[in-house]
Amino acid sequence: MVEGLESLLNEEEKTVVIDSYFHQDNRIAITGHDLIRYKGEKLSGALDFLDKLKVLISIYSDINFYIKRIMKCNLSIYPQLLQEIAWNKGEEKKYQEQLEEILVEWRPMSYKNQKYQERRALIENEVAAEPGFVNEIYKIKREADNRFNAQYPEYADFYRLFTDVDDRKRKVERIIRMIQAAIKELTNYVLKIKQHLPEVETIKVA
């Protein structure tokens, strides 16, 4: 296990290929920032075994040698994780700024769309109260849509524009959620390393 951790830590390639957990015949390439997260997961995860290994020192004196190697791996990955957190926070700030720009356009359009939907609902209620439409749900909706489109022919073009802005907003929000999840994940790795190796606090990050 320790050899595998050291090999992963010292991997100079930009890509690590692993077997898929769900499809053993498939191979998954882990690159870039995902690779740092993968290293953080595996290396900090090895710290969970330290307490169990320490129990065995009295029986197998060589165990201490492996414990030190696991600790050394985590001391090495620690500054990289801090740098990765800082990078992700920078990305989060960038996308938050993008989102604010989109929201300036989205908010009034969303309000306007809400007012259109309120008018559509009123028309639907009027239709539902008319003879021949009672309890005819699909017939009511179809007639209400026809009347709404006749009264507000501009809505179709407006809705296409609003949908485009709304899609851009949702896309950026998804990216922000992914970045925030990455920050949380990386922070957990850092906290685990700090818990087992308090001396990392003295490490200076470039």
Protein backbone atom coordinates (compact mmCIF):
# COMPACT_ATOMS: atom_id res chain seq x y z
CA MET A 1 0.00 0.00 0.00
CA VAL A 2 2.73 2.45 0.98
CA GLU A 3 4.59 1.91 -2.29
CA GLY A 4 1.38 2.71 -4.16
CA LEU A 5 0.90 5.93 -2.22
CA GLU A 6 4.47 7.03 -2.86
CA SER A 7 4.12 6.21 -6.53
CA LEU A 8 0.91 8.24 -6.73
CA LEU A 9 2.48 11.18 -4.91
CA ASN A 10 5.54 11.21 -7.14
CA GLU A 11 3.59 10.71 -10.34
CA GLU A 12 4.92 13.36 -12.70
CA GLU A 13 2.48 12.65 -15.48
CA LYS A 14 -0.60 14.84 -15.78
CA THR A 15 -2.85 11.79 -15.99
CA VAL A 16 -3.46 8.78 -13.76
CA VAL A 17 -5.56 5.95 -15.17
CA ILE A 18 -7.56 3.77 -12.79
CA ASP A 19 -10.09 0.97 -13.15
CA SER A 20 -13.74 1.99 -13.07
CA TYR A 21 -15.41 0.91 -9.83
CA PHE A 22 -18.67 0.08 -11.60
CA HIS A 23 -17.29 -1.25 -14.89
CA GLN A 24 -14.08 -3.17 -14.33
CA ASP A 25 -13.37 -3.37 -18.07
CA ASN A 26 -13.34 0.42 -18.35
CA ARG A 27 -10.43 2.68 -17.51
CA ILE A 28 -10.84 6.21 -16.17
CA ALA A 29 -8.30 8.97 -16.79
CA ILE A 30 -7.91 11.46 -13.93
CA THR A 31 -6.21 14.70 -14.92
CA GLY A 32 -5.46 18.23 -13.79
CA HIS A 33 -7.26 19.50 -10.72
CA ASP A 34 -9.18 16.24 -10.35
CA LEU A 35 -5.84 14.50 -9.99
CA ILE A 36 -4.89 16.63 -6.96
CA ARG A 37 -8.23 15.80 -5.37
CA TYR A 38 -7.67 12.10 -6.09
CA LYS A 39 -4.22 12.22 -4.51
CA GLY A 40 -5.65 14.05 -1.50
CA GLU A 41 -8.35 11.44 -1.06
CA LYS A 42 -5.98 8.47 -1.23
CA LEU A 43 -3.11 9.92 0.78
CA SER A 44 -5.16 11.47 3.59
CA GLY A 45 -7.32 8.36 3.65
CA ALA A 46 -4.24 6.30 4.50
CA LEU A 47 -4.00 8.21 7.77
CA ASP A 48 -7.06 6.32 9.00
CA PHE A 49 -4.86 3.23 9.23
CA LEU A 50 -2.19 4.83 11.43
CA ASP A 51 -3.81 4.01 14.75
CA LYS A 52 -4.23 0.38 13.70
CA LEU A 53 -0.63 0.22 12.52
CA LYS A 54 0.70 1.76 15.73
CA VAL A 55 -0.87 -1.07 17.72
CA LEU A 56 1.31 -3.48 15.79
CA ILE A 57 4.62 -1.71 16.52
CA SER A 58 5.24 -3.84 19.60
CA ILE A 59 4.89 -6.96 17.47
CA TYR A 60 6.45 -5.79 14.20
CA SER A 61 9.10 -3.14 14.71
CA ASP A 62 9.30 -2.46 10.98
CA ILE A 63 5.75 -1.07 11.07
CA ASN A 64 7.08 2.26 12.32
CA PHE A 65 9.05 2.59 9.08
CA TYR A 66 5.83 2.36 7.06
CA ILE A 67 4.01 4.76 9.35
CA LYS A 68 6.70 7.38 8.78
CA ARG A 69 6.44 6.90 5.02
CA ILE A 70 2.66 7.45 5.12
CA MET A 71 3.19 10.58 7.21
CA LYS A 72 5.83 11.84 4.80
CA CYS A 73 3.46 11.39 1.85
CA ASN A 74 0.84 13.50 3.60
CA LEU A 75 3.34 16.19 4.55
CA SER A 76 4.23 16.41 0.86
CA ILE A 77 0.65 16.60 -0.45
CA TYR A 78 -0.49 19.11 2.20
CA PRO A 79 0.83 22.30 0.53
CA GLN A 80 -0.54 21.14 -2.83
CA LEU A 81 -4.00 20.77 -1.27
CA LEU A 82 -3.78 24.28 0.18
CA GLN A 83 -2.81 25.65 -3.22
CA GLU A 84 -5.70 23.77 -4.80
CA ILE A 85 -8.14 25.23 -2.28
CA ALA A 86 -6.83 28.73 -3.04
CA TRP A 87 -7.19 28.11 -6.79
CA ASN A 88 -10.77 26.90 -6.36
CA LYS A 89 -11.65 29.90 -4.24
CA GLY A 90 -10.34 32.13 -7.01
CA GLU A 91 -12.49 30.26 -9.52
CA GLU A 92 -15.51 30.54 -7.24
CA LYS A 93 -15.04 34.31 -7.00
CA LYS A 94 -14.76 34.56 -10.79
CA TYR A 95 -17.96 32.63 -11.39
CA GLN A 96 -19.80 34.47 -8.61
CA GLU A 97 -18.99 37.68 -10.45
CA GLN A 98 -20.29 36.16 -13.69
CA LEU A 99 -23.46 35.11 -11.91
CA GLU A 100 -24.04 38.62 -10.57
CA GLU A 101 -23.75 40.01 -14.09
CA ILE A 102 -26.29 37.49 -15.35
CA LEU A 103 -28.64 38.20 -12.43
CA VAL A 104 -28.76 41.87 -13.36
CA GLU A 105 -30.39 40.76 -16.61
CA TRP A 106 -32.26 37.77 -15.17
CA ARG A 107 -34.09 39.41 -12.24
CA PRO A 108 -36.29 41.84 -14.21
CA MET A 109 -36.96 39.17 -16.83
CA SER A 110 -37.95 36.69 -14.15
CA TYR A 111 -40.31 39.23 -12.62
CA LYS A 112 -41.82 39.97 -16.01
CA ASN A 113 -42.26 36.26 -16.72
CA GLN A 114 -43.96 35.82 -13.35
CA LYS A 115 -46.48 38.53 -14.28
CA TYR A 116 -47.16 36.80 -17.59
CA GLN A 117 -47.80 33.53 -15.75
CA GLU A 118 -50.19 35.28 -13.39
CA ARG A 119 -52.14 36.56 -16.39
CA ARG A 120 -52.13 33.09 -17.91
CA ALA A 121 -53.54 31.70 -14.63
CA LEU A 122 -56.33 34.29 -14.62
CA ILE A 123 -57.27 33.40 -18.18
CA GLU A 124 -57.28 29.71 -17.27
CA ASN A 125 -59.61 30.38 -14.32
CA GLU A 126 -61.95 32.33 -16.58
CA VAL A 127 -62.05 29.50 -19.10
CA ALA A 128 -62.64 26.90 -16.38
CA ALA A 129 -65.73 28.82 -15.23
CA GLU A 130 -67.32 28.86 -18.68
CA PRO A 131 -69.96 26.32 -19.76
CA GLY A 132 -68.50 23.41 -21.68
CA PHE A 133 -65.15 23.55 -19.90
CA VAL A 134 -66.06 22.34 -16.40
CA ASN A 135 -63.67 19.58 -15.30
CA GLU A 136 -62.16 19.42 -18.81
CA ILE A 137 -58.55 19.93 -17.73
CA TYR A 138 -56.79 19.46 -21.08
CA LYS A 139 -59.49 21.37 -22.95
CA ILE A 140 -59.21 24.25 -20.46
CA LYS A 141 -55.45 24.43 -20.79
CA ARG A 142 -55.51 24.36 -24.58
CA GLU A 143 -58.14 27.11 -24.75
CA ALA A 144 -56.34 29.20 -22.12
CA ASP A 145 -53.07 28.90 -24.06
CA ASN A 146 -54.79 29.99 -27.26
CA ARG A 147 -56.34 33.04 -25.60
CA PHE A 148 -53.12 33.94 -23.81
CA ASN A 149 -51.10 33.75 -27.06
CA ALA A 150 -53.70 35.89 -28.82
CA GLN A 151 -53.60 38.56 -26.10
CA TYR A 152 -49.83 38.50 -25.64
CA PRO A 153 -48.26 37.58 -28.99
CA GLU A 154 -44.94 39.09 -27.86
CA TYR A 155 -44.55 36.49 -25.11
CA ALA A 156 -43.09 33.76 -27.34
CA ASP A 157 -40.09 35.92 -28.30
CA PHE A 158 -39.69 37.16 -24.74
CA TYR A 159 -39.78 33.62 -23.38
CA ARG A 160 -37.06 32.46 -25.75
CA LEU A 161 -34.81 35.27 -24.53
CA PHE A 162 -35.66 34.58 -20.90
CA THR A 163 -34.97 30.86 -21.34
CA ASP A 164 -31.54 31.65 -22.77
CA VAL A 165 -30.65 33.89 -19.80
CA ASP A 166 -32.09 31.39 -17.35
CA ASP A 167 -30.04 28.56 -18.88
CA ARG A 168 -26.85 30.63 -18.57
CA LYS A 169 -27.70 31.36 -14.94
CA ARG A 170 -28.31 27.70 -14.14
CA LYS A 171 -25.09 26.65 -15.87
CA VAL A 172 -22.98 29.07 -13.82
CA GLU A 173 -24.81 28.07 -10.63
CA ARG A 174 -23.98 24.41 -11.35
CA ILE A 175 -20.31 25.30 -11.82
CA ILE A 176 -20.29 27.22 -8.54
CA ARG A 177 -21.85 24.28 -6.70
CA MET A 178 -19.19 21.94 -8.15
CA ILE A 179 -16.40 24.31 -7.08
CA GLN A 180 -17.87 24.64 -3.59
CA ALA A 181 -18.08 20.85 -3.33
CA ALA A 182 -14.42 20.60 -4.35
CA ILE A 183 -13.41 23.18 -1.74
CA LYS A 184 -15.32 21.27 0.94
CA GLU A 185 -13.73 17.98 -0.11
CA LEU A 186 -10.21 19.40 -0.20
CA THR A 187 -10.72 21.14 3.13
CA ASN A 188 -11.72 17.83 4.71
CA TYR A 189 -8.46 16.27 3.47
CA VAL A 190 -6.49 19.18 4.92
CA LEU A 191 -8.26 18.92 8.27
CA LYS A 192 -7.59 15.20 8.44
CA ILE A 193 -3.88 15.74 7.78
CA LYS A 194 -3.73 18.52 10.38
CA GLN A 195 -5.46 16.26 12.89
CA HIS A 196 -2.85 13.51 12.49
CA LEU A 197 0.13 15.74 11.73
CA PRO A 198 -0.09 19.06 13.64
CA GLU A 199 3.41 19.96 12.43
CA VAL A 200 2.00 20.80 8.98
CA GLU A 201 0.96 24.16 10.40
CA THR A 202 4.59 25.23 10.03
CA ILE A 203 4.67 24.47 6.32
CA LYS A 204 4.84 27.60 4.17
CA VAL A 205 2.83 27.58 0.96
CA ALA A 206 4.18 29.45 -2.03
